[in-house]
Protein backbone atom coordinates (compact mmCIF):
# COMPACT_ATOMS: atom_id res chain seq x y z
CA MET A 1 74.41 121.18 56.37
CA THR A 2 70.63 121.51 56.10
CA GLU A 3 68.86 124.71 55.23
CA ALA A 4 67.42 124.95 58.74
CA ASN A 5 70.88 124.93 60.32
CA SER A 6 72.42 127.44 57.91
CA THR A 7 72.84 131.11 58.79
CA PRO A 8 69.65 133.01 58.01
CA THR A 9 70.08 135.69 55.38
CA VAL A 10 67.77 138.29 53.89
CA PRO A 11 67.13 137.91 50.16
CA GLY A 12 69.24 140.39 48.24
CA ASP A 13 71.37 141.32 51.29
CA ASP A 14 75.03 140.41 50.63
CA ARG A 15 76.56 142.28 53.57
CA LEU A 16 77.37 139.13 55.54
CA ALA A 17 79.22 137.62 52.58
CA GLU A 18 81.08 140.88 52.02
CA LEU A 19 82.07 141.02 55.70
CA ARG A 20 83.40 137.45 55.57
CA GLN A 21 85.35 138.26 52.41
CA LYS A 22 86.75 141.39 54.05
CA ASN A 23 87.86 139.53 57.18
CA ARG A 24 89.39 136.61 55.30
CA GLN A 25 93.01 136.31 56.44
CA THR A 26 95.86 136.08 53.97
CA PHE A 27 99.58 135.70 54.54
CA LEU A 28 100.17 139.45 54.28
CA SER A 29 97.31 140.25 56.67
CA LYS A 30 98.97 138.12 59.37
CA LEU A 31 102.16 140.20 59.35
CA PRO A 32 102.45 142.40 62.48
CA VAL A 33 102.38 145.85 60.87
CA ILE A 34 99.80 144.94 58.21
CA LYS A 35 97.53 143.41 60.83
CA GLN A 36 97.73 146.52 63.03
CA LEU A 37 97.16 148.75 60.01
CA LYS A 38 93.83 147.03 59.31
CA ILE A 39 92.46 147.60 62.82
CA ALA A 40 93.85 151.12 63.28
CA VAL A 41 91.43 154.05 63.10
CA GLY A 42 91.58 157.81 63.59
CA TRP A 43 94.77 159.43 64.76
CA GLN A 44 96.37 156.05 65.51
CA LYS A 45 96.06 155.09 61.87
CA GLY A 46 97.37 158.48 60.84
CA MET A 47 100.47 158.06 63.01
CA LEU A 48 101.09 154.55 61.72
CA VAL A 49 100.66 155.51 58.07
CA THR A 50 102.91 158.56 58.45
CA GLY A 51 105.62 156.50 60.13
CA LEU A 52 105.43 153.78 57.50
CA VAL A 53 105.65 156.33 54.68
CA LEU A 54 108.77 157.92 56.21
CA CYS A 55 110.42 154.56 56.85
CA GLY A 56 109.53 153.31 53.37
CA PHE A 57 110.91 156.49 51.81
CA PHE A 58 114.31 156.14 53.49
CA LEU A 59 114.39 152.42 52.70
CA LEU A 60 113.85 153.15 49.01
CA VAL A 61 116.50 155.88 49.11
CA ALA A 62 118.96 153.44 50.68
CA ILE A 63 118.26 150.76 48.06
CA PHE A 64 118.42 153.08 45.05
CA ALA A 65 121.17 155.39 46.34
CA PRO A 66 123.46 154.76 43.32
CA LEU A 67 120.64 155.85 40.99
CA ILE A 68 119.50 158.86 43.04
CA ALA A 69 122.84 160.40 44.03
CA PRO A 70 124.52 162.33 41.20
CA TYR A 71 127.97 161.77 42.72
CA GLY A 72 129.73 159.24 44.92
CA TYR A 73 129.85 159.65 48.68
CA ALA A 74 133.60 160.45 48.57
CA GLN A 75 133.71 162.16 45.16
CA ILE A 76 135.31 165.61 45.15
CA LYS A 77 135.92 166.00 41.40
CA GLY A 78 133.58 166.14 38.45
CA ALA A 79 133.75 164.15 35.23
CA ASP A 80 135.97 166.84 33.70
CA GLY A 81 138.56 166.45 36.44
CA GLN A 82 137.79 169.79 38.04
CA ALA A 83 137.56 169.77 41.83
CA PHE A 84 134.27 170.74 43.39
CA PRO A 85 134.24 174.18 45.03
CA THR A 86 134.22 174.05 48.82
CA GLN A 87 131.33 175.42 50.85
CA GLN A 88 129.44 176.42 47.74
CA ALA A 89 125.82 177.49 48.23
CA PRO A 90 123.03 175.41 46.64
CA SER A 91 123.12 175.75 42.87
CA ALA A 92 122.10 173.92 39.70
CA GLU A 93 125.26 171.78 39.79
CA HIS A 94 125.06 171.04 43.52
CA ILE A 95 121.42 171.39 44.55
CA TRP A 96 122.20 171.20 48.28
CA GLY A 97 125.62 172.83 48.12
CA THR A 98 129.03 171.43 49.06
CA THR A 99 130.90 170.88 52.31
CA VAL A 100 134.20 172.25 53.53
CA GLY A 101 135.90 169.15 52.16
CA GLY A 102 134.34 169.56 48.72
CA PHE A 103 131.74 166.78 49.05
CA ASP A 104 128.31 167.16 47.49
CA VAL A 105 125.80 167.49 50.34
CA PHE A 106 122.91 165.89 48.45
CA SER A 107 124.98 162.83 47.49
CA ARG A 108 126.36 162.44 51.01
CA THR A 109 122.86 162.63 52.50
CA VAL A 110 121.49 160.04 50.07
CA TRP A 111 124.37 157.61 50.61
CA GLY A 112 124.07 158.13 54.37
CA ALA A 113 120.61 156.54 54.28
CA ARG A 114 122.19 153.25 53.16
CA THR A 115 124.68 153.34 56.05
CA ALA A 116 121.85 154.01 58.52
CA VAL A 117 119.69 151.14 57.23
CA ILE A 118 122.59 148.67 57.38
CA ALA A 119 123.34 149.70 60.98
CA ILE A 120 119.68 149.19 61.94
CA VAL A 121 119.51 145.73 60.38
CA ILE A 122 122.71 144.48 62.02
CA ALA A 123 121.91 145.88 65.46
CA VAL A 124 118.31 144.67 65.57
CA LEU A 125 118.89 141.22 64.11
CA CYS A 126 121.76 140.43 66.47
CA SER A 127 120.02 141.68 69.62
CA ILE A 128 116.65 140.07 68.86
CA PHE A 129 118.20 136.68 68.05
CA ILE A 130 120.34 136.46 71.19
CA GLY A 131 117.75 138.02 73.49
CA VAL A 132 114.89 135.74 72.40
CA ILE A 133 116.97 132.56 72.75
CA LEU A 134 118.17 133.51 76.23
CA GLY A 135 114.65 134.52 77.29
CA LEU A 136 113.19 131.17 76.19
CA VAL A 137 115.86 129.16 77.99
CA SER A 138 115.74 131.24 81.18
CA GLY A 139 111.96 131.33 81.47
CA TYR A 140 111.36 127.66 80.67
CA PHE A 141 114.10 125.98 82.74
CA GLY A 142 114.32 128.47 85.64
CA GLY A 143 116.60 127.57 88.55
CA TRP A 144 120.16 128.82 88.78
CA VAL A 145 120.29 129.45 85.02
CA ASP A 146 117.44 131.92 85.31
CA ARG A 147 118.95 133.69 88.30
CA VAL A 148 122.37 134.09 86.65
CA LEU A 149 120.93 135.39 83.37
CA VAL A 150 118.67 137.88 85.16
CA VAL A 151 121.59 139.31 87.16
CA VAL A 152 123.77 139.59 84.05
CA ALA A 153 120.96 141.22 82.06
CA ASP A 154 120.36 143.83 84.76
CA ALA A 155 124.08 144.61 84.96
CA VAL A 156 124.48 144.98 81.20
CA TYR A 157 121.38 147.16 80.87
CA SER A 158 122.94 149.74 83.21
CA PHE A 159 125.66 150.59 80.67
CA PRO A 160 125.03 153.73 78.53
CA SER A 161 124.75 152.66 74.91
CA LEU A 162 126.78 155.58 73.49
CA LEU A 163 129.65 155.08 75.94
CA LEU A 164 129.74 151.38 75.12
CA ALA A 165 129.69 152.23 71.41
CA ILE A 166 132.73 154.48 71.84
CA LEU A 167 134.60 151.69 73.64
CA MET A 168 133.65 149.24 70.89
CA ALA A 169 134.81 151.65 68.18
CA ILE A 170 138.18 152.11 69.88
CA MET A 171 138.62 148.36 70.36
CA ILE A 172 137.62 147.48 66.79
CA SER A 173 139.42 150.12 64.76
CA GLY A 174 141.24 152.51 67.05
CA GLY A 175 138.63 155.24 66.87
CA GLN A 176 138.59 155.87 63.10
CA SER A 177 136.82 153.03 61.38
CA SER A 178 135.92 151.76 57.96
CA LEU A 179 132.34 151.22 56.82
CA TRP A 180 131.89 147.80 58.40
CA GLY A 181 134.04 148.70 61.41
CA GLY A 182 131.84 151.69 62.28
CA ILE A 183 128.62 149.82 61.60
CA PHE A 184 129.67 146.83 63.69
CA ALA A 185 130.84 149.14 66.49
CA SER A 186 127.43 150.74 66.74
CA GLY A 187 125.61 147.48 65.98
CA LEU A 188 127.43 145.50 68.65
CA SER A 189 126.95 148.21 71.25
CA ILE A 190 123.20 148.29 70.56
CA THR A 191 123.16 144.49 70.57
CA VAL A 192 124.81 144.22 73.98
CA VAL A 193 122.75 146.98 75.58
CA TYR A 194 119.35 145.93 74.22
CA ILE A 195 119.60 142.18 74.60
CA PRO A 196 118.15 142.57 78.14
CA GLN A 197 114.98 144.14 76.73
CA TYR A 198 114.21 141.14 74.52
CA PHE A 199 115.39 138.79 77.23
CA ARG A 200 113.10 140.18 79.95
CA THR A 201 110.09 140.43 77.62
CA ILE A 202 110.33 136.86 76.34
CA ARG A 203 111.20 135.48 79.79
CA ALA A 204 108.09 137.04 81.39
CA GLU A 205 105.81 135.63 78.67
CA VAL A 206 107.37 132.16 78.90
CA ILE A 207 107.01 132.05 82.70
CA ARG A 208 103.34 133.00 82.33
CA MET A 209 102.59 130.35 79.70
CA LYS A 210 104.79 127.38 80.59
CA GLU A 211 102.25 126.00 83.08
CA SER A 212 99.31 126.39 80.69
CA ALA A 213 97.18 123.47 79.60
CA PHE A 214 98.47 123.36 76.04
CA ILE A 215 102.08 123.16 77.26
CA ASP A 216 101.16 120.33 79.66
CA SER A 217 99.43 118.54 76.80
CA ALA A 218 102.55 118.84 74.65
CA ARG A 219 104.64 117.32 77.44
CA VAL A 220 102.15 114.47 77.95
CA ILE A 221 102.22 113.40 74.30
CA GLY A 222 106.02 113.36 74.40
CA ALA A 223 106.89 116.52 72.46
CA PRO A 224 110.62 117.30 72.74
CA THR A 225 111.74 120.35 74.68
CA TRP A 226 113.06 122.12 71.60
CA ARG A 227 109.69 121.77 69.87
CA ILE A 228 107.87 123.13 72.92
CA LEU A 229 110.23 126.13 73.03
CA THR A 230 110.09 126.98 69.34
CA LYS A 231 106.66 125.82 68.23
CA HIS A 232 104.49 126.68 71.23
CA LEU A 233 106.21 129.17 73.54
CA LEU A 234 108.08 131.26 70.97
CA LYS A 235 105.05 131.61 68.73
CA ASN A 236 102.88 132.90 71.58
CA SER A 237 105.40 135.16 73.34
CA THR A 238 106.43 137.57 70.57
CA ARG A 239 103.43 139.92 70.59
CA THR A 240 105.33 142.94 71.91
CA LEU A 241 108.55 142.41 69.95
CA PRO A 242 107.62 144.74 67.05
CA VAL A 243 107.30 147.63 69.52
CA ILE A 244 110.73 146.98 71.07
CA LEU A 245 112.23 146.45 67.61
CA THR A 246 111.19 149.91 66.44
CA LEU A 247 112.55 151.57 69.58
CA ASN A 248 115.89 149.82 69.13
CA SER A 249 116.03 150.84 65.48
CA SER A 250 115.76 154.54 66.32
CA GLU A 251 118.37 154.08 69.06
CA ALA A 252 120.74 152.50 66.54
CA ILE A 253 120.42 155.55 64.27
CA LEU A 254 121.14 157.97 67.12
CA THR A 255 124.06 155.91 68.39
CA LEU A 256 125.67 155.75 64.94
CA ALA A 257 125.18 159.51 64.50
CA GLY A 258 126.61 160.13 67.97
CA LEU A 259 129.72 158.12 67.15
CA GLY A 260 130.26 160.08 63.96
CA PHE A 261 129.67 163.45 65.65
CA LEU A 262 132.17 162.68 68.39
CA GLY A 263 134.80 161.60 65.86
CA PHE A 264 134.64 157.84 66.49
CA GLY A 265 132.51 156.99 63.48
CA ILE A 266 133.11 156.04 59.88
CA GLU A 267 135.80 157.77 57.84
CA PRO A 268 134.38 159.96 55.05
CA THR A 269 136.30 158.09 52.37
CA ALA A 270 134.84 154.74 53.53
CA ALA A 271 131.14 155.62 53.61
CA ALA A 272 128.76 158.53 54.08
CA GLU A 273 127.50 159.04 57.62
CA TRP A 274 125.24 161.82 58.84
CA GLY A 275 126.87 162.22 62.25
CA TYR A 276 130.29 162.87 60.70
CA ASP A 277 128.80 165.45 58.33
CA LEU A 278 127.21 167.26 61.28
CA ASN A 279 130.55 167.28 63.08
CA ARG A 280 132.28 168.91 60.10
CA SER A 281 129.53 171.51 59.74
CA VAL A 282 129.71 172.91 63.29
CA SER A 283 132.14 175.63 62.30
CA ASP A 284 130.14 176.34 59.12
CA VAL A 285 127.02 177.25 61.08
CA THR A 286 128.79 180.05 62.94
CA ALA A 287 129.91 181.45 59.57
CA GLY A 288 126.38 181.45 58.16
CA ILE A 289 126.86 178.34 56.00
CA TRP A 290 123.66 176.55 56.92
CA TRP A 291 123.28 173.95 54.16
CA THR A 292 126.02 171.64 55.34
CA ALA A 293 124.22 171.00 58.64
CA VAL A 294 120.51 171.35 57.83
CA PHE A 295 120.08 168.50 55.37
CA PRO A 296 121.92 165.73 57.30
CA GLY A 297 120.22 166.89 60.50
CA VAL A 298 116.77 166.83 58.91
CA ALA A 299 117.48 163.34 57.58
CA ILE A 300 118.29 162.09 61.09
CA VAL A 301 115.17 163.73 62.54
CA LEU A 302 112.86 162.35 59.86
CA ILE A 303 114.05 158.75 59.98
CA VAL A 304 113.95 158.68 63.79
CA LEU A 305 110.52 160.33 63.72
CA GLY A 306 109.21 157.74 61.26
CA ILE A 307 110.46 154.80 63.30
CA THR A 308 109.16 156.34 66.54
CA LEU A 309 105.68 156.93 65.07
CA VAL A 310 105.50 153.31 63.98
CA GLY A 311 106.61 152.12 67.42
CA GLU A 312 104.18 154.34 69.33
CA SER A 313 101.29 153.31 67.09
CA LEU A 314 102.04 149.62 67.51
CA ASN A 315 102.28 150.12 71.26
CA ASP A 316 98.84 151.78 71.38
CA LEU A 317 97.24 149.17 69.13
CA SER A 318 98.63 146.28 71.15
CA ASP A 319 96.98 147.63 74.33
CA PRO A 320 93.16 147.29 74.35
CA ARG A 321 92.91 150.18 76.79
CA LEU A 322 94.58 152.57 74.33
CA ARG A 323 93.31 151.18 71.04
CA ALA A 324 90.54 153.16 69.38
CA ARG A 325 87.69 151.05 68.05
CA LYS A 326 85.53 151.32 64.98
CA SER A 327 81.89 152.17 65.47
CA ALA A 328 79.20 149.58 64.89
CA GLY A 329 78.21 151.27 61.66
CA GLU A 330 81.75 150.96 60.29
CA VAL A 331 81.96 147.28 61.18
CA ILE A 332 78.76 145.86 59.72
CA GLY A 333 76.66 148.73 58.43
CA SER A 334 74.27 151.06 60.19
CA ILE A 335 72.32 149.84 63.19
CA GLU A 336 68.91 150.39 61.65
CA ASP A 337 69.92 148.41 58.57
CA THR A 338 71.00 145.43 60.64
CA SER A 339 67.80 145.35 62.69
CA VAL A 340 65.17 145.65 59.95
CA ASP A 341 64.82 143.94 56.59
CA PRO A 342 64.76 146.77 54.02
CA SER A 343 62.38 144.80 51.79
CA THR A 344 59.70 144.76 54.49
CA GLN A 345 59.76 148.49 55.30
CA LYS A 346 56.30 149.49 54.08
CA ASP A 347 53.74 151.85 55.49
CA ALA A 348 50.78 149.49 54.97
CA ALA A 349 51.22 147.45 58.12
CA GLU A 350 49.46 148.29 61.37
CA VAL A 351 50.92 146.91 64.55
CA VAL A 352 48.71 146.60 67.61
CA PHE A 353 50.32 146.28 71.03
CA THR A 354 48.14 144.66 73.65
CA GLY A 355 48.61 144.06 77.33
CA PRO A 356 48.78 140.73 79.09
CA SER A 357 44.96 140.55 79.46
CA THR A 358 42.59 142.19 76.94
CA GLU A 359 38.92 142.05 76.10
CA LYS A 360 36.95 143.17 73.08
CA LYS A 361 34.86 146.29 73.19
CA ALA A 362 31.77 146.87 71.13
CA ASP A 363 33.60 149.16 68.65
CA GLY A 364 36.27 146.53 67.97
CA THR A 365 39.15 148.04 69.96
CA ASP A 366 41.02 146.11 72.61
CA GLN A 367 40.85 147.02 76.27
CA ASP A 368 42.98 145.52 79.02
CA ALA A 369 41.70 144.29 82.37
CA GLU A 370 42.16 147.69 83.99
CA GLY A 371 40.17 149.49 81.29
CA GLY A 372 43.09 151.02 79.35
CA VAL A 373 42.94 151.07 75.56
CA ALA A 374 45.96 149.49 73.84
CA ALA A 375 48.18 151.74 71.76
CA THR A 376 48.31 151.40 68.00
CA SER A 377 51.12 152.41 65.72
CA LYS A 378 51.23 152.85 61.99
CA GLY A 379 54.17 153.28 59.71
CA ASN A 380 57.74 151.98 59.91
CA GLU A 381 58.87 150.20 63.10
CA SER A 382 62.63 150.42 63.38
């Protein structure tokens, strides 16, 4: 490329190179949440950062639960063989107190984070996989397949998720379930209920894009149907999936807690679960024993709040009408700096503005055809 065709730059001004370096895309910057975090500003960025911090905190607690919790989730005796006191107030030995069954509240709350994260992963992965596949097939092929799948999706979506979870729990383990039985009961119920959301979203995007020029070009060159579905349509129809994923994650937490509170959740000796702990603490609250209910309840509120903040922020950032934008000064510097070369800002120059038709006067000033004297200006022109 010749020097004449290159981008003109001001000597000593490296802002264009810095902007290119800043906007250079890496693998991490292409991830949905990281990409939205870079363009978020103001309160939208605050919501997103707060939600990510809360979600990251509970994820770390779930991973390192064996190191954080001083006792096991079903432990009711200390190392000396002495049983823990029941309904003991917070103390040095049990910082969040104990329950009516003699469980340590702090340990149960920490271990409950692992159960919640596992339920989220199973529910979301199953529903997103099945819903996306069905949406691709229904939107691309159409016909009677599309009509049948749409009717089934609408019928399934009308079922309440908690009621379906109760039925699943009874069918899987007779009401009282083990760790994986309770998680799969809630996970499968969320999967069945929220498959229609992924299905309808992907189907609408596929119907909109399947007649586009790039899809016609792929058909002309002989690309197989599976490649068109996975390489072209799937890649361009998943923009809104992160928003739906976060909403389903919070619903999975509430459904699992609802199962435990109603007595259809996980047995306390199989795993720690916040909904079960809230169920056992109902009678404690009336007796003034607040610690058995406050900490599991706060944990549920915080994790749902974190996931909801992330989902709402992603929803706002994905809509240009709701997304806040950076000012011009934040994007590429101040306006006056981009319009004037700083090295040429000197007070020695005198700029004379003349009209379309001027003539010289005897004193050397310019006068236009109508007799008006042209204006002169000294100093910086910005």
